[in-house]
Amino acid sequence: MGFLLDDILLAPVKFPTWIAQKVGTAAYAEMTDDATIRQQLLELQMRLELGEVSEEEYERREADLLKEIERIRKLKEEGAPV
C-alpha cells in the first residue's frame, strides 16, 4: 500500500523524467537510422544513370552522403546515451 501511495505522490516528478527518456531514446534511434541516407544514395545513383546529374555533382553528393553514413556508424559504435 505504501508503494502505491509513493507512486501517486511522486508521479508529477517521475512522469516528466519518463517522457524525457522516451523522447531521448526516439531521437537517438532517428539520429542513427541510415536507411534514409542509403535511399538517397540509391536515388542519386539512378539519377546519374539516367543522366539527370553530372558525374561531378554525383561525386560531390555521394561524398556528402557517405560522410553522413560514417557519422552514423560512429554514433552507433559509441552506443546509446544513458
N, C-alpha and C. Protein backbone atom coordinates (compact mmCIF):
# COMPACT_ATOMS: atom_id res chain seq x y z
N MET A 1 0.82 -1.19 0.00
CA MET A 1 0.00 0.00 0.00
C MET A 1 0.86 1.25 0.00
N GLY A 2 1.96 1.21 0.74
CA GLY A 2 2.86 2.35 0.82
C GLY A 2 3.50 2.67 -0.54
N PHE A 3 3.79 1.61 -1.32
CA PHE A 3 4.40 1.84 -2.63
C PHE A 3 3.43 2.53 -3.57
N LEU A 4 2.17 2.17 -3.50
CA LEU A 4 1.16 2.79 -4.35
C LEU A 4 1.04 4.28 -4.02
N LEU A 5 1.03 4.59 -2.75
CA LEU A 5 0.93 5.98 -2.32
C LEU A 5 2.17 6.76 -2.76
N ASP A 6 3.34 6.14 -2.64
CA ASP A 6 4.58 6.78 -3.10
C ASP A 6 4.52 7.05 -4.60
N ASP A 7 4.03 6.07 -5.36
CA ASP A 7 3.93 6.25 -6.81
C ASP A 7 2.99 7.39 -7.16
N ILE A 8 1.88 7.48 -6.47
CA ILE A 8 0.92 8.55 -6.74
C ILE A 8 1.52 9.91 -6.38
N LEU A 9 2.17 9.99 -5.26
CA LEU A 9 2.74 11.27 -4.83
C LEU A 9 3.93 11.70 -5.69
N LEU A 10 4.70 10.74 -6.18
CA LEU A 10 5.88 11.07 -6.97
C LEU A 10 5.61 11.13 -8.47
N ALA A 11 4.39 10.83 -8.89
CA ALA A 11 4.05 10.83 -10.32
C ALA A 11 4.37 12.16 -11.00
N PRO A 12 4.07 13.31 -10.38
CA PRO A 12 4.40 14.57 -11.06
C PRO A 12 5.90 14.75 -11.30
N VAL A 13 6.73 14.08 -10.54
CA VAL A 13 8.17 14.17 -10.72
C VAL A 13 8.66 13.08 -11.69
N LYS A 14 8.12 11.89 -11.56
CA LYS A 14 8.56 10.77 -12.37
C LYS A 14 8.09 10.85 -13.82
N PHE A 15 6.89 11.35 -14.05
CA PHE A 15 6.33 11.36 -15.40
C PHE A 15 7.17 12.21 -16.37
N PRO A 16 7.54 13.44 -16.03
CA PRO A 16 8.39 14.20 -16.96
C PRO A 16 9.73 13.54 -17.24
N THR A 17 10.29 12.87 -16.24
CA THR A 17 11.55 12.16 -16.43
C THR A 17 11.35 11.00 -17.40
N TRP A 18 10.27 10.28 -17.23
CA TRP A 18 9.96 9.15 -18.11
C TRP A 18 9.77 9.64 -19.54
N ILE A 19 9.03 10.74 -19.70
CA ILE A 19 8.79 11.31 -21.04
C ILE A 19 10.13 11.73 -21.66
N ALA A 20 10.99 12.39 -20.90
CA ALA A 20 12.28 12.83 -21.41
C ALA A 20 13.13 11.64 -21.87
N GLN A 21 13.08 10.54 -21.13
CA GLN A 21 13.83 9.35 -21.52
C GLN A 21 13.28 8.78 -22.83
N LYS A 22 11.97 8.73 -22.97
CA LYS A 22 11.35 8.21 -24.20
C LYS A 22 11.70 9.09 -25.39
N VAL A 23 11.65 10.40 -25.21
CA VAL A 23 11.98 11.33 -26.30
C VAL A 23 13.46 11.17 -26.67
N GLY A 24 14.32 11.05 -25.68
CA GLY A 24 15.74 10.86 -25.93
C GLY A 24 16.02 9.58 -26.68
N THR A 25 15.35 8.51 -26.31
CA THR A 25 15.52 7.23 -26.99
C THR A 25 15.05 7.31 -28.44
N ALA A 26 13.91 7.96 -28.66
CA ALA A 26 13.38 8.11 -30.02
C ALA A 26 14.30 8.98 -30.87
N ALA A 27 14.82 10.05 -30.29
CA ALA A 27 15.73 10.94 -31.03
C ALA A 27 17.01 10.21 -31.41
N TYR A 28 17.55 9.42 -30.49
CA TYR A 28 18.76 8.66 -30.77
C TYR A 28 18.51 7.65 -31.89
N ALA A 29 17.36 6.98 -31.84
CA ALA A 29 17.03 6.00 -32.88
C ALA A 29 16.94 6.68 -34.24
N GLU A 30 16.34 7.86 -34.28
CA GLU A 30 16.22 8.58 -35.54
C GLU A 30 17.59 9.07 -36.02
N MET A 31 18.43 9.52 -35.10
CA MET A 31 19.76 10.00 -35.47
C MET A 31 20.64 8.89 -36.03
N THR A 32 20.42 7.68 -35.60
CA THR A 32 21.28 6.57 -36.02
C THR A 32 20.63 5.68 -37.08
N ASP A 33 19.55 6.15 -37.68
CA ASP A 33 18.90 5.39 -38.75
C ASP A 33 19.45 5.89 -40.08
N ASP A 34 20.21 5.04 -40.74
CA ASP A 34 20.82 5.46 -42.00
C ASP A 34 20.03 5.01 -43.23
N ALA A 35 18.84 4.47 -43.03
CA ALA A 35 18.04 3.98 -44.16
C ALA A 35 17.70 5.10 -45.13
N THR A 36 17.36 6.27 -44.62
CA THR A 36 17.00 7.39 -45.49
C THR A 36 18.20 7.83 -46.32
N ILE A 37 19.36 7.85 -45.71
CA ILE A 37 20.56 8.27 -46.43
C ILE A 37 20.93 7.24 -47.48
N ARG A 38 20.80 5.98 -47.15
CA ARG A 38 21.08 4.93 -48.14
C ARG A 38 20.09 5.02 -49.31
N GLN A 39 18.84 5.36 -49.02
CA GLN A 39 17.85 5.54 -50.08
C GLN A 39 18.24 6.72 -50.97
N GLN A 40 18.70 7.80 -50.36
CA GLN A 40 19.15 8.96 -51.13
C GLN A 40 20.34 8.61 -52.01
N LEU A 41 21.21 7.77 -51.51
CA LEU A 41 22.37 7.33 -52.28
C LEU A 41 21.93 6.51 -53.50
N LEU A 42 20.97 5.63 -53.31
CA LEU A 42 20.44 4.84 -54.44
C LEU A 42 19.76 5.75 -55.47
N GLU A 43 18.98 6.71 -54.99
CA GLU A 43 18.30 7.63 -55.90
C GLU A 43 19.32 8.46 -56.68
N LEU A 44 20.38 8.87 -56.01
CA LEU A 44 21.42 9.64 -56.68
C LEU A 44 22.08 8.81 -57.77
N GLN A 45 22.34 7.56 -57.47
CA GLN A 45 22.94 6.67 -58.47
C GLN A 45 22.02 6.49 -59.67
N MET A 46 20.73 6.35 -59.41
CA MET A 46 19.76 6.22 -60.51
C MET A 46 19.74 7.49 -61.35
N ARG A 47 19.78 8.64 -60.70
CA ARG A 47 19.76 9.91 -61.43
C ARG A 47 21.01 10.06 -62.30
N LEU A 48 22.14 9.56 -61.81
CA LEU A 48 23.37 9.58 -62.61
C LEU A 48 23.20 8.70 -63.84
N GLU A 49 22.67 7.50 -63.64
CA GLU A 49 22.49 6.57 -64.76
C GLU A 49 21.49 7.10 -65.78
N LEU A 50 20.52 7.88 -65.33
CA LEU A 50 19.54 8.47 -66.24
C LEU A 50 20.03 9.78 -66.86
N GLY A 51 21.20 10.23 -66.43
CA GLY A 51 21.77 11.46 -66.98
C GLY A 51 21.18 12.73 -66.39
N GLU A 52 20.51 12.61 -65.25
CA GLU A 52 19.90 13.78 -64.61
C GLU A 52 20.90 14.59 -63.80
N VAL A 53 22.02 13.98 -63.40
CA VAL A 53 23.08 14.70 -62.69
C VAL A 53 24.41 14.40 -63.38
N SER A 54 25.32 15.35 -63.29
CA SER A 54 26.64 15.14 -63.88
C SER A 54 27.48 14.24 -62.98
N GLU A 55 28.57 13.76 -63.54
CA GLU A 55 29.49 12.92 -62.77
C GLU A 55 30.06 13.70 -61.58
N GLU A 56 30.38 14.97 -61.80
CA GLU A 56 30.95 15.81 -60.74
C GLU A 56 29.94 16.01 -59.60
N GLU A 57 28.70 16.32 -59.98
CA GLU A 57 27.64 16.51 -58.98
C GLU A 57 27.41 15.22 -58.21
N TYR A 58 27.42 14.09 -58.92
CA TYR A 58 27.24 12.80 -58.29
C TYR A 58 28.34 12.55 -57.25
N GLU A 59 29.58 12.76 -57.64
CA GLU A 59 30.70 12.50 -56.74
C GLU A 59 30.65 13.40 -55.51
N ARG A 60 30.28 14.66 -55.70
CA ARG A 60 30.19 15.59 -54.58
C ARG A 60 29.10 15.17 -53.60
N ARG A 61 27.92 14.87 -54.13
CA ARG A 61 26.80 14.48 -53.26
C ARG A 61 27.01 13.11 -52.65
N GLU A 62 27.63 12.21 -53.41
CA GLU A 62 27.93 10.88 -52.88
C GLU A 62 28.88 11.00 -51.69
N ALA A 63 29.90 11.84 -51.81
CA ALA A 63 30.85 12.03 -50.72
C ALA A 63 30.14 12.56 -49.47
N ASP A 64 29.22 13.52 -49.65
CA ASP A 64 28.47 14.05 -48.51
C ASP A 64 27.63 12.97 -47.84
N LEU A 65 26.95 12.16 -48.65
CA LEU A 65 26.11 11.10 -48.09
C LEU A 65 26.94 10.03 -47.38
N LEU A 66 28.09 9.70 -47.95
CA LEU A 66 28.95 8.70 -47.33
C LEU A 66 29.53 9.22 -46.01
N LYS A 67 29.82 10.51 -45.94
CA LYS A 67 30.28 11.10 -44.68
C LYS A 67 29.19 11.00 -43.61
N GLU A 68 27.96 11.22 -44.02
CA GLU A 68 26.83 11.13 -43.08
C GLU A 68 26.66 9.68 -42.60
N ILE A 69 26.80 8.72 -43.49
CA ILE A 69 26.71 7.31 -43.09
C ILE A 69 27.84 6.97 -42.12
N GLU A 70 29.03 7.49 -42.37
CA GLU A 70 30.16 7.25 -41.47
C GLU A 70 29.90 7.88 -40.10
N ARG A 71 29.33 9.08 -40.07
CA ARG A 71 28.99 9.74 -38.80
C ARG A 71 28.01 8.89 -38.00
N ILE A 72 27.02 8.33 -38.68
CA ILE A 72 26.03 7.49 -38.03
C ILE A 72 26.68 6.20 -37.50
N ARG A 73 27.59 5.64 -38.30
CA ARG A 73 28.28 4.42 -37.87
C ARG A 73 29.05 4.67 -36.58
N LYS A 74 29.71 5.83 -36.50
CA LYS A 74 30.47 6.16 -35.30
C LYS A 74 29.54 6.36 -34.10
N LEU A 75 28.40 6.98 -34.33
CA LEU A 75 27.43 7.15 -33.24
C LEU A 75 26.97 5.79 -32.72
N LYS A 76 26.73 4.86 -33.63
CA LYS A 76 26.29 3.53 -33.22
C LYS A 76 27.37 2.81 -32.43
N GLU A 77 28.63 3.00 -32.84
CA GLU A 77 29.73 2.36 -32.12
C GLU A 77 29.85 2.89 -30.69
N GLU A 78 29.59 4.19 -30.53
CA GLU A 78 29.67 4.80 -29.20
C GLU A 78 28.57 4.28 -28.28
N GLY A 79 27.47 3.86 -28.87
CA GLY A 79 26.38 3.31 -28.08
C GLY A 79 25.35 4.34 -27.70
N ALA A 80 24.25 3.85 -27.19
CA ALA A 80 23.12 4.71 -26.82
C ALA A 80 23.45 5.56 -25.60
N PRO A 81 22.98 6.80 -25.60
CA PRO A 81 23.19 7.63 -24.41
C PRO A 81 22.41 7.09 -23.23
N VAL A 82 22.95 7.31 -22.06
CA VAL A 82 22.30 6.80 -20.84
C VAL A 82 21.27 7.77 -20.34
